[in-house]
Amino acid sequence: MARGGARQGAGRKPKADEITLIENMDAVLVPESVWQALADKVTEGDVTAIKTWLSYRFGQPKQSVDLTTLGKSIQAPIQWVTPDEST
């Protein structure tokens, strides 16, 4: 069984790929017109548009994670392993 290591296609895509994608999107549709269309939807009261606007304007709200399963808390002991014990 493989444990970690580099895998084909794994990890974050290169910044150059992201920039190329943004440039291609901008060539198809001017960003200002997209923002204006979103603003128009917000003015109309579109709930999804309002959520999108707020998430870009103020960021996503803090989220918490409840670590319970079927109403029971997970009670797993933590076992610390030093580098010389890991082999």
PDB file of N, CA and C in Angstrom:
ATOM      1  N   MET A   1       0.844  -1.178   0.000  1.00  0.00           N
ATOM      2  CA  MET A   1       0.000   0.000   0.000  1.00  0.00           C
ATOM      3  C   MET A   1       0.890   1.242   0.000  1.00  0.00           C
ATOM      4  N   ALA A   2       0.599   2.160  -0.901  1.00  0.00           N
ATOM      5  CA  ALA A   2       1.378   3.396  -1.009  1.00  0.00           C
ATOM      6  C   ALA A   2       1.042   4.337   0.139  1.00  0.00           C
ATOM      7  N   ARG A   3       2.058   5.026   0.616  1.00  0.00           N
ATOM      8  CA  ARG A   3       1.855   5.985   1.708  1.00  0.00           C
ATOM      9  C   ARG A   3       2.475   7.314   1.320  1.00  0.00           C
ATOM     10  N   GLY A   4       1.646   8.238   0.887  1.00  0.00           N
ATOM     11  CA  GLY A   4       2.138   9.575   0.582  1.00  0.00           C
ATOM     12  C   GLY A   4       2.985   9.613  -0.670  1.00  0.00           C
ATOM     13  N   GLY A   5       3.729  10.657  -0.798  1.00  0.00           N
ATOM     14  CA  GLY A   5       4.593  10.829  -1.955  1.00  0.00           C
ATOM     15  C   GLY A   5       3.889  11.582  -3.068  1.00  0.00           C
ATOM     16  N   ALA A   6       4.645  11.924  -4.087  1.00  0.00           N
ATOM     17  CA  ALA A   6       4.100  12.686  -5.213  1.00  0.00           C
ATOM     18  C   ALA A   6       3.201  11.803  -6.056  1.00  0.00           C
ATOM     19  N   ARG A   7       2.087  12.366  -6.506  1.00  0.00           N
ATOM     20  CA  ARG A   7       1.151  11.663  -7.380  1.00  0.00           C
ATOM     21  C   ARG A   7       0.849  12.558  -8.565  1.00  0.00           C
ATOM     22  N   GLN A   8       0.692  11.970  -9.718  1.00  0.00           N
ATOM     23  CA  GLN A   8       0.383  12.703 -10.938  1.00  0.00           C
ATOM     24  C   GLN A   8      -0.923  13.484 -10.763  1.00  0.00           C
ATOM     25  N   GLY A   9      -0.889  14.780 -11.029  1.00  0.00           N
ATOM     26  CA  GLY A   9      -2.095  15.610 -10.953  1.00  0.00           C
ATOM     27  C   GLY A   9      -2.483  16.061  -9.558  1.00  0.00           C
ATOM     28  N   ALA A  10      -1.725  15.672  -8.547  1.00  0.00           N
ATOM     29  CA  ALA A  10      -2.061  16.047  -7.173  1.00  0.00           C
ATOM     30  C   ALA A  10      -1.526  17.439  -6.859  1.00  0.00           C
ATOM     31  N   GLY A  11      -2.126  18.073  -5.897  1.00  0.00           N
ATOM     32  CA  GLY A  11      -1.638  19.367  -5.436  1.00  0.00           C
ATOM     33  C   GLY A  11      -2.264  20.542  -6.168  1.00  0.00           C
ATOM     34  N   ARG A  12      -1.867  21.720  -5.742  1.00  0.00           N
ATOM     35  CA  ARG A  12      -2.386  22.960  -6.320  1.00  0.00           C
ATOM     36  C   ARG A  12      -1.831  23.145  -7.726  1.00  0.00           C
ATOM     37  N   LYS A  13      -2.686  23.630  -8.607  1.00  0.00           N
ATOM     38  CA  LYS A  13      -2.271  23.893  -9.980  1.00  0.00           C
ATOM     39  C   LYS A  13      -1.328  25.090 -10.003  1.00  0.00           C
ATOM     40  N   PRO A  14      -0.426  25.140 -10.973  1.00  0.00           N
ATOM     41  CA  PRO A  14       0.524  26.260 -11.047  1.00  0.00           C
ATOM     42  C   PRO A  14      -0.184  27.600 -11.229  1.00  0.00           C
ATOM     43  N   LYS A  15       0.405  28.647 -10.686  1.00  0.00           N
ATOM     44  CA  LYS A  15      -0.145  29.998 -10.783  1.00  0.00           C
ATOM     45  C   LYS A  15      -0.300  30.413 -12.248  1.00  0.00           C
ATOM     46  N   ALA A  16       0.612  29.968 -13.116  1.00  0.00           N
ATOM     47  CA  ALA A  16       0.534  30.312 -14.541  1.00  0.00           C
ATOM     48  C   ALA A  16      -0.755  29.787 -15.163  1.00  0.00           C
ATOM     49  N   ASP A  17      -1.195  28.583 -14.743  1.00  0.00           N
ATOM     50  CA  ASP A  17      -2.454  28.029 -15.249  1.00  0.00           C
ATOM     51  C   ASP A  17      -3.639  28.883 -14.815  1.00  0.00           C
ATOM     52  N   GLU A  18      -3.603  29.351 -13.569  1.00  0.00           N
ATOM     53  CA  GLU A  18      -4.675  30.198 -13.047  1.00  0.00           C
ATOM     54  C   GLU A  18      -4.732  31.525 -13.806  1.00  0.00           C
ATOM     55  N   ILE A  19      -3.579  32.119 -14.057  1.00  0.00           N
ATOM     56  CA  ILE A  19      -3.518  33.390 -14.785  1.00  0.00           C
ATOM     57  C   ILE A  19      -4.041  33.212 -16.209  1.00  0.00           C
ATOM     58  N   THR A  20      -3.663  32.120 -16.868  1.00  0.00           N
ATOM     59  CA  THR A  20      -4.139  31.841 -18.226  1.00  0.00           C
ATOM     60  C   THR A  20      -5.656  31.695 -18.248  1.00  0.00           C
ATOM     61  N   LEU A  21      -6.208  31.000 -17.266  1.00  0.00           N
ATOM     62  CA  LEU A  21      -7.654  30.829 -17.182  1.00  0.00           C
ATOM     63  C   LEU A  21      -8.353  32.175 -17.012  1.00  0.00           C
ATOM     64  N   ILE A  22      -7.837  33.015 -16.134  1.00  0.00           N
ATOM     65  CA  ILE A  22      -8.423  34.337 -15.915  1.00  0.00           C
ATOM     66  C   ILE A  22      -8.360  35.179 -17.180  1.00  0.00           C
ATOM     67  N   GLU A  23      -7.225  35.135 -17.876  1.00  0.00           N
ATOM     68  CA  GLU A  23      -7.096  35.890 -19.124  1.00  0.00           C
ATOM     69  C   GLU A  23      -8.099  35.403 -20.167  1.00  0.00           C
ATOM     70  N   ASN A  24      -8.291  34.097 -20.261  1.00  0.00           N
ATOM     71  CA  ASN A  24      -9.270  33.544 -21.205  1.00  0.00           C
ATOM     72  C   ASN A  24     -10.689  33.962 -20.844  1.00  0.00           C
ATOM     73  N   MET A  25     -11.009  33.964 -19.558  1.00  0.00           N
ATOM     74  CA  MET A  25     -12.347  34.387 -19.118  1.00  0.00           C
ATOM     75  C   MET A  25     -12.565  35.869 -19.423  1.00  0.00           C
ATOM     76  N   ASP A  26     -11.546  36.703 -19.176  1.00  0.00           N
ATOM     77  CA  ASP A  26     -11.656  38.136 -19.450  1.00  0.00           C
ATOM     78  C   ASP A  26     -11.808  38.414 -20.942  1.00  0.00           C
ATOM     79  N   ALA A  27     -11.220  37.565 -21.805  1.00  0.00           N
ATOM     80  CA  ALA A  27     -11.338  37.746 -23.251  1.00  0.00           C
ATOM     81  C   ALA A  27     -12.763  37.471 -23.727  1.00  0.00           C
ATOM     82  N   VAL A  28     -13.483  36.614 -23.014  1.00  0.00           N
ATOM     83  CA  VAL A  28     -14.854  36.264 -23.395  1.00  0.00           C
ATOM     84  C   VAL A  28     -15.853  37.280 -22.859  1.00  0.00           C
ATOM     85  N   LEU A  29     -15.661  37.729 -21.629  1.00  0.00           N
ATOM     86  CA  LEU A  29     -16.618  38.625 -20.986  1.00  0.00           C
ATOM     87  C   LEU A  29     -15.874  39.613 -20.095  1.00  0.00           C
ATOM     88  N   VAL A  30     -16.118  40.892 -20.283  1.00  0.00           N
ATOM     89  CA  VAL A  30     -15.441  41.937 -19.516  1.00  0.00           C
ATOM     90  C   VAL A  30     -15.882  41.855 -18.049  1.00  0.00           C
ATOM     91  N   PRO A  31     -14.929  41.797 -17.102  1.00  0.00           N
ATOM     92  CA  PRO A  31     -15.287  41.651 -15.682  1.00  0.00           C
ATOM     93  C   PRO A  31     -16.252  42.718 -15.165  1.00  0.00           C
ATOM     94  N   GLU A  32     -16.120  43.960 -15.633  1.00  0.00           N
ATOM     95  CA  GLU A  32     -17.003  45.021 -15.144  1.00  0.00           C
ATOM     96  C   GLU A  32     -18.462  44.723 -15.484  1.00  0.00           C
ATOM     97  N   SER A  33     -18.705  44.132 -16.658  1.00  0.00           N
ATOM     98  CA  SER A  33     -20.092  43.823 -17.033  1.00  0.00           C
ATOM     99  C   SER A  33     -20.648  42.694 -16.173  1.00  0.00           C
ATOM    100  N   VAL A  34     -19.789  41.775 -15.755  1.00  0.00           N
ATOM    101  CA  VAL A  34     -20.234  40.684 -14.884  1.00  0.00           C
ATOM    102  C   VAL A  34     -20.604  41.234 -13.513  1.00  0.00           C
ATOM    103  N   TRP A  35     -19.755  42.124 -12.973  1.00  0.00           N
ATOM    104  CA  TRP A  35     -20.055  42.727 -11.675  1.00  0.00           C
ATOM    105  C   TRP A  35     -21.348  43.548 -11.747  1.00  0.00           C
ATOM    106  N   GLN A  36     -21.563  44.238 -12.861  1.00  0.00           N
ATOM    107  CA  GLN A  36     -22.788  45.019 -13.016  1.00  0.00           C
ATOM    108  C   GLN A  36     -24.004  44.102 -13.072  1.00  0.00           C
ATOM    109  N   ALA A  37     -23.887  42.973 -13.772  1.00  0.00           N
ATOM    110  CA  ALA A  37     -24.993  42.013 -13.833  1.00  0.00           C
ATOM    111  C   ALA A  37     -25.299  41.459 -12.441  1.00  0.00           C
ATOM    112  N   LEU A  38     -24.246  41.176 -11.670  1.00  0.00           N
ATOM    113  CA  LEU A  38     -24.445  40.701 -10.299  1.00  0.00           C
ATOM    114  C   LEU A  38     -25.114  41.784  -9.457  1.00  0.00           C
ATOM    115  N   ALA A  39     -24.681  43.037  -9.603  1.00  0.00           N
ATOM    116  CA  ALA A  39     -25.271  44.145  -8.856  1.00  0.00           C
ATOM    117  C   ALA A  39     -26.757  44.303  -9.213  1.00  0.00           C
ATOM    118  N   ASP A  40     -27.092  44.116 -10.488  1.00  0.00           N
ATOM    119  CA  ASP A  40     -28.494  44.206 -10.904  1.00  0.00           C
ATOM    120  C   ASP A  40     -29.338  43.126 -10.233  1.00  0.00           C
ATOM    121  N   LYS A  41     -28.796  41.912 -10.156  1.00  0.00           N
ATOM    122  CA  LYS A  41     -29.513  40.809  -9.497  1.00  0.00           C
ATOM    123  C   LYS A  41     -29.684  41.089  -8.003  1.00  0.00           C
ATOM    124  N   VAL A  42     -28.651  41.662  -7.379  1.00  0.00           N
ATOM    125  CA  VAL A  42     -28.750  42.006  -5.957  1.00  0.00           C
ATOM    126  C   VAL A  42     -29.859  43.031  -5.758  1.00  0.00           C
ATOM    127  N   THR A  43     -29.922  44.026  -6.634  1.00  0.00           N
ATOM    128  CA  THR A  43     -30.948  45.066  -6.547  1.00  0.00           C
ATOM    129  C   THR A  43     -32.350  44.478  -6.703  1.00  0.00           C
ATOM    130  N   GLU A  44     -32.457  43.436  -7.538  1.00  0.00           N
ATOM    131  CA  GLU A  44     -33.747  42.766  -7.739  1.00  0.00           C
ATOM    132  C   GLU A  44     -34.142  41.916  -6.543  1.00  0.00           C
ATOM    133  N   GLY A  45     -33.195  41.622  -5.646  1.00  0.00           N
ATOM    134  CA  GLY A  45     -33.491  40.827  -4.452  1.00  0.00           C
ATOM    135  C   GLY A  45     -33.198  39.351  -4.618  1.00  0.00           C
ATOM    136  N   ASP A  46     -32.432  38.966  -5.632  1.00  0.00           N
ATOM    137  CA  ASP A  46     -32.073  37.570  -5.847  1.00  0.00           C
ATOM    138  C   ASP A  46     -31.197  37.097  -4.675  1.00  0.00           C
ATOM    139  N   VAL A  47     -31.684  36.093  -3.943  1.00  0.00           N
ATOM    140  CA  VAL A  47     -31.014  35.647  -2.720  1.00  0.00           C
ATOM    141  C   VAL A  47     -29.620  35.093  -3.011  1.00  0.00           C
ATOM    142  N   THR A  48     -29.478  34.298  -4.056  1.00  0.00           N
ATOM    143  CA  THR A  48     -28.170  33.736  -4.397  1.00  0.00           C
ATOM    144  C   THR A  48     -27.181  34.844  -4.754  1.00  0.00           C
ATOM    145  N   ALA A  49     -27.649  35.836  -5.493  1.00  0.00           N
ATOM    146  CA  ALA A  49     -26.784  36.962  -5.857  1.00  0.00           C
ATOM    147  C   ALA A  49     -26.372  37.743  -4.618  1.00  0.00           C
ATOM    148  N   ILE A  50     -27.294  37.931  -3.694  1.00  0.00           N
ATOM    149  CA  ILE A  50     -26.984  38.652  -2.455  1.00  0.00           C
ATOM    150  C   ILE A  50     -25.930  37.895  -1.651  1.00  0.00           C
ATOM    151  N   LYS A  51     -26.084  36.573  -1.536  1.00  0.00           N
ATOM    152  CA  LYS A  51     -25.098  35.762  -0.808  1.00  0.00           C
ATOM    153  C   LYS A  51     -23.725  35.859  -1.468  1.00  0.00           C
ATOM    154  N   THR A  52     -23.703  35.802  -2.810  1.00  0.00           N
ATOM    155  CA  THR A  52     -22.442  35.909  -3.534  1.00  0.00           C
ATOM    156  C   THR A  52     -21.801  37.265  -3.290  1.00  0.00           C
ATOM    157  N   TRP A  53     -22.595  38.324  -3.397  1.00  0.00           N
ATOM    158  CA  TRP A  53     -22.094  39.692  -3.189  1.00  0.00           C
ATOM    159  C   TRP A  53     -21.493  39.841  -1.792  1.00  0.00           C
ATOM    160  N   LEU A  54     -22.243  39.377  -0.791  1.00  0.00           N
ATOM    161  CA  LEU A  54     -21.779  39.510   0.588  1.00  0.00           C
ATOM    162  C   LEU A  54     -20.518  38.693   0.848  1.00  0.00           C
ATOM    163  N   SER A  55     -20.428  37.497   0.257  1.00  0.00           N
ATOM    164  CA  SER A  55     -19.239  36.674   0.498  1.00  0.00           C
ATOM    165  C   SER A  55     -17.998  37.298  -0.122  1.00  0.00           C
ATOM    166  N   TYR A  56     -18.157  37.992  -1.257  1.00  0.00           N
ATOM    167  CA  TYR A  56     -17.006  38.672  -1.844  1.00  0.00           C
ATOM    168  C   TYR A  56     -16.698  39.979  -1.115  1.00  0.00           C
ATOM    169  N   ARG A  57     -17.727  40.636  -0.631  1.00  0.00           N
ATOM    170  CA  ARG A  57     -17.533  41.933   0.032  1.00  0.00           C
ATOM    171  C   ARG A  57     -16.972  41.781   1.445  1.00  0.00           C
ATOM    172  N   PHE A  58     -17.518  40.825   2.212  1.00  0.00           N
ATOM    173  CA  PHE A  58     -17.151  40.690   3.620  1.00  0.00           C
ATOM    174  C   PHE A  58     -16.436  39.383   3.951  1.00  0.00           C
ATOM    175  N   GLY A  59     -16.348  38.457   3.001  1.00  0.00           N
ATOM    176  CA  GLY A  59     -15.720  37.161   3.255  1.00  0.00           C
ATOM    177  C   GLY A  59     -16.719  36.171   3.821  1.00  0.00           C
ATOM    178  N   GLN A  60     -16.323  34.927   3.824  1.00  0.00           N
ATOM    179  CA  GLN A  60     -17.184  33.873   4.343  1.00  0.00           C
ATOM    180  C   GLN A  60     -17.247  33.965   5.869  1.00  0.00           C
ATOM    181  N   PRO A  61     -18.408  33.687   6.452  1.00  0.00           N
ATOM    182  CA  PRO A  61     -18.490  33.688   7.911  1.00  0.00           C
ATOM    183  C   PRO A  61     -17.683  32.529   8.498  1.00  0.00           C
ATOM    184  N   LYS A  62     -17.257  32.688   9.732  1.00  0.00           N
ATOM    185  CA  LYS A  62     -16.503  31.647  10.415  1.00  0.00           C
ATOM    186  C   LYS A  62     -17.385  30.413  10.548  1.00  0.00           C
ATOM    187  N   GLN A  63     -16.830  29.257  10.228  1.00  0.00           N
ATOM    188  CA  GLN A  63     -17.584  28.015  10.303  1.00  0.00           C
ATOM    189  C   GLN A  63     -17.006  27.144  11.400  1.00  0.00           C
ATOM    190  N   SER A  64     -17.879  26.416  12.070  1.00  0.00           N
ATOM    191  CA  SER A  64     -17.413  25.489  13.097  1.00  0.00           C
ATOM    192  C   SER A  64     -17.798  24.072  12.687  1.00  0.00           C
ATOM    193  N   VAL A  65     -17.056  23.122  13.183  1.00  0.00           N
ATOM    194  CA  VAL A  65     -17.285  21.724  12.863  1.00  0.00           C
ATOM    195  C   VAL A  65     -17.621  20.992  14.147  1.00  0.00           C
ATOM    196  N   ASP A  66     -18.733  20.267  14.138  1.00  0.00           N
ATOM    197  CA  ASP A  66     -19.145  19.489  15.290  1.00  0.00           C
ATOM    198  C   ASP A  66     -18.620  18.069  15.118  1.00  0.00           C
ATOM    199  N   LEU A  67     -17.748  17.647  16.004  1.00  0.00           N
ATOM    200  CA  LEU A  67     -17.146  16.325  15.891  1.00  0.00           C
ATOM    201  C   LEU A  67     -17.916  15.288  16.708  1.00  0.00           C
ATOM    202  N   THR A  68     -19.174  15.124  16.376  1.00  0.00           N
ATOM    203  CA  THR A  68     -19.977  14.088  17.018  1.00  0.00           C
ATOM    204  C   THR A  68     -20.527  13.171  15.944  1.00  0.00           C
ATOM    205  N   THR A  69     -20.735  11.915  16.302  1.00  0.00           N
ATOM    206  CA  THR A  69     -21.286  10.931  15.387  1.00  0.00           C
ATOM    207  C   THR A  69     -22.474  10.274  16.062  1.00  0.00           C
ATOM    208  N   LEU A  70     -23.641  10.417  15.431  1.00  0.00           N
ATOM    209  CA  LEU A  70     -24.872   9.836  15.966  1.00  0.00           C
ATOM    210  C   LEU A  70     -25.094  10.215  17.426  1.00  0.00           C
ATOM    211  N   GLY A  71     -24.813  11.463  17.752  1.00  0.00           N
ATOM    212  CA  GLY A  71     -25.058  11.963  19.093  1.00  0.00           C
ATOM    213  C   GLY A  71     -23.998  11.591  20.106  1.00  0.00           C
ATOM    214  N   LYS A  72     -22.966  10.880  19.689  1.00  0.00           N
ATOM    215  CA  LYS A  72     -21.901  10.488  20.617  1.00  0.00           C
ATOM    216  C   LYS A  72     -20.615  11.199  20.224  1.00  0.00           C
ATOM    217  N   SER A  73     -19.927  11.716  21.193  1.00  0.00           N
ATOM    218  CA  SER A  73     -18.647  12.355  20.928  1.00  0.00           C
ATOM    219  C   SER A  73     -17.611  11.296  20.577  1.00  0.00           C
ATOM    220  N   ILE A  74     -16.694  11.667  19.717  1.00  0.00           N
ATOM    221  CA  ILE A  74     -15.622  10.751  19.354  1.00  0.00           C
ATOM    222  C   ILE A  74     -14.573  10.799  20.460  1.00  0.00           C
ATOM    223  N   GLN A  75     -14.324   9.680  21.060  1.00  0.00           N
ATOM    224  CA  GLN A  75     -13.366   9.580  22.160  1.00  0.00           C
ATOM    225  C   GLN A  75     -12.219   8.683  21.722  1.00  0.00           C
ATOM    226  N   ALA A  76     -11.323   9.201  20.935  1.00  0.00           N
ATOM    227  CA  ALA A  76     -10.184   8.422  20.462  1.00  0.00           C
ATOM    228  C   ALA A  76      -8.924   8.916  21.153  1.00  0.00           C
ATOM    229  N   PRO A  77      -8.134   8.002  21.677  1.00  0.00           N
ATOM    230  CA  PRO A  77      -6.884   8.428  22.319  1.00  0.00           C
ATOM    231  C   PRO A  77      -5.900   8.936  21.274  1.00  0.00           C
ATOM    232  N   ILE A  78      -5.099   9.895  21.666  1.00  0.00           N
ATOM    233  CA  ILE A  78      -4.081  10.447  20.780  1.00  0.00           C
ATOM    234  C   ILE A  78      -2.769   9.743  21.093  1.00  0.00           C
ATOM    235  N   GLN A  79      -2.158   9.195  20.042  1.00  0.00           N
ATOM    236  CA  GLN A  79      -0.883   8.510  20.227  1.00  0.00           C
ATOM    237  C   GLN A  79       0.191   9.294  19.494  1.00  0.00           C
ATOM    238  N   TRP A  80       1.142   9.813  20.233  1.00  0.00           N
ATOM    239  CA  TRP A  80       2.229  10.588  19.645  1.00  0.00           C
ATOM    240  C   TRP A  80       3.318   9.646  19.180  1.00  0.00           C
ATOM    241  N   VAL A  81       3.803   9.888  17.968  1.00  0.00           N
ATOM    242  CA  VAL A  81       4.870   9.054  17.404  1.00  0.00           C
ATOM    243  C   VAL A  81       6.036   9.961  17.066  1.00  0.00           C
ATOM    244  N   THR A  82       7.198   9.623  17.623  1.00  0.00           N
ATOM    245  CA  THR A  82       8.410  10.385  17.317  1.00  0.00           C
ATOM    246  C   THR A  82       8.994   9.884  16.019  1.00  0.00           C
ATOM    247  N   PRO A  83       9.819  10.692  15.328  1.00  0.00           N
ATOM    248  CA  PRO A  83      10.366  10.288  14.033  1.00  0.00           C
ATOM    249  C   PRO A  83      11.089   8.917  14.068  1.00  0.00           C
ATOM    250  N   ASP A  84      11.812   8.612  15.153  1.00  0.00           N
ATOM    251  CA  ASP A  84      12.531   7.332  15.204  1.00  0.00           C
ATOM    252  C   ASP A  84      11.588   6.154  15.441  1.00  0.00           C
ATOM    253  N   GLU A  85      10.349   6.397  15.896  1.00  0.00           N
ATOM    254  CA  GLU A  85       9.379   5.323  16.112  1.00  0.00           C
ATOM    255  C   GLU A  85       8.508   5.077  14.881  1.00  0.00           C
ATOM    256  N   SER A  86       8.555   5.948  13.902  1.00  0.00           N
ATOM    257  CA  SER A  86       7.620   5.886  12.782  1.00  0.00           C
ATOM    258  C   SER A  86       7.951   4.781  11.782  1.00  0.00           C
ATOM    259  N   THR A  87       9.089   4.158  11.862  1.00  0.00           N
ATOM    260  CA  THR A  87       9.462   3.121  10.881  1.00  0.00           C
ATOM    261  C   THR A  87       9.067   1.748  11.330  1.00  0.00           C
TER     262      THR A  87
END
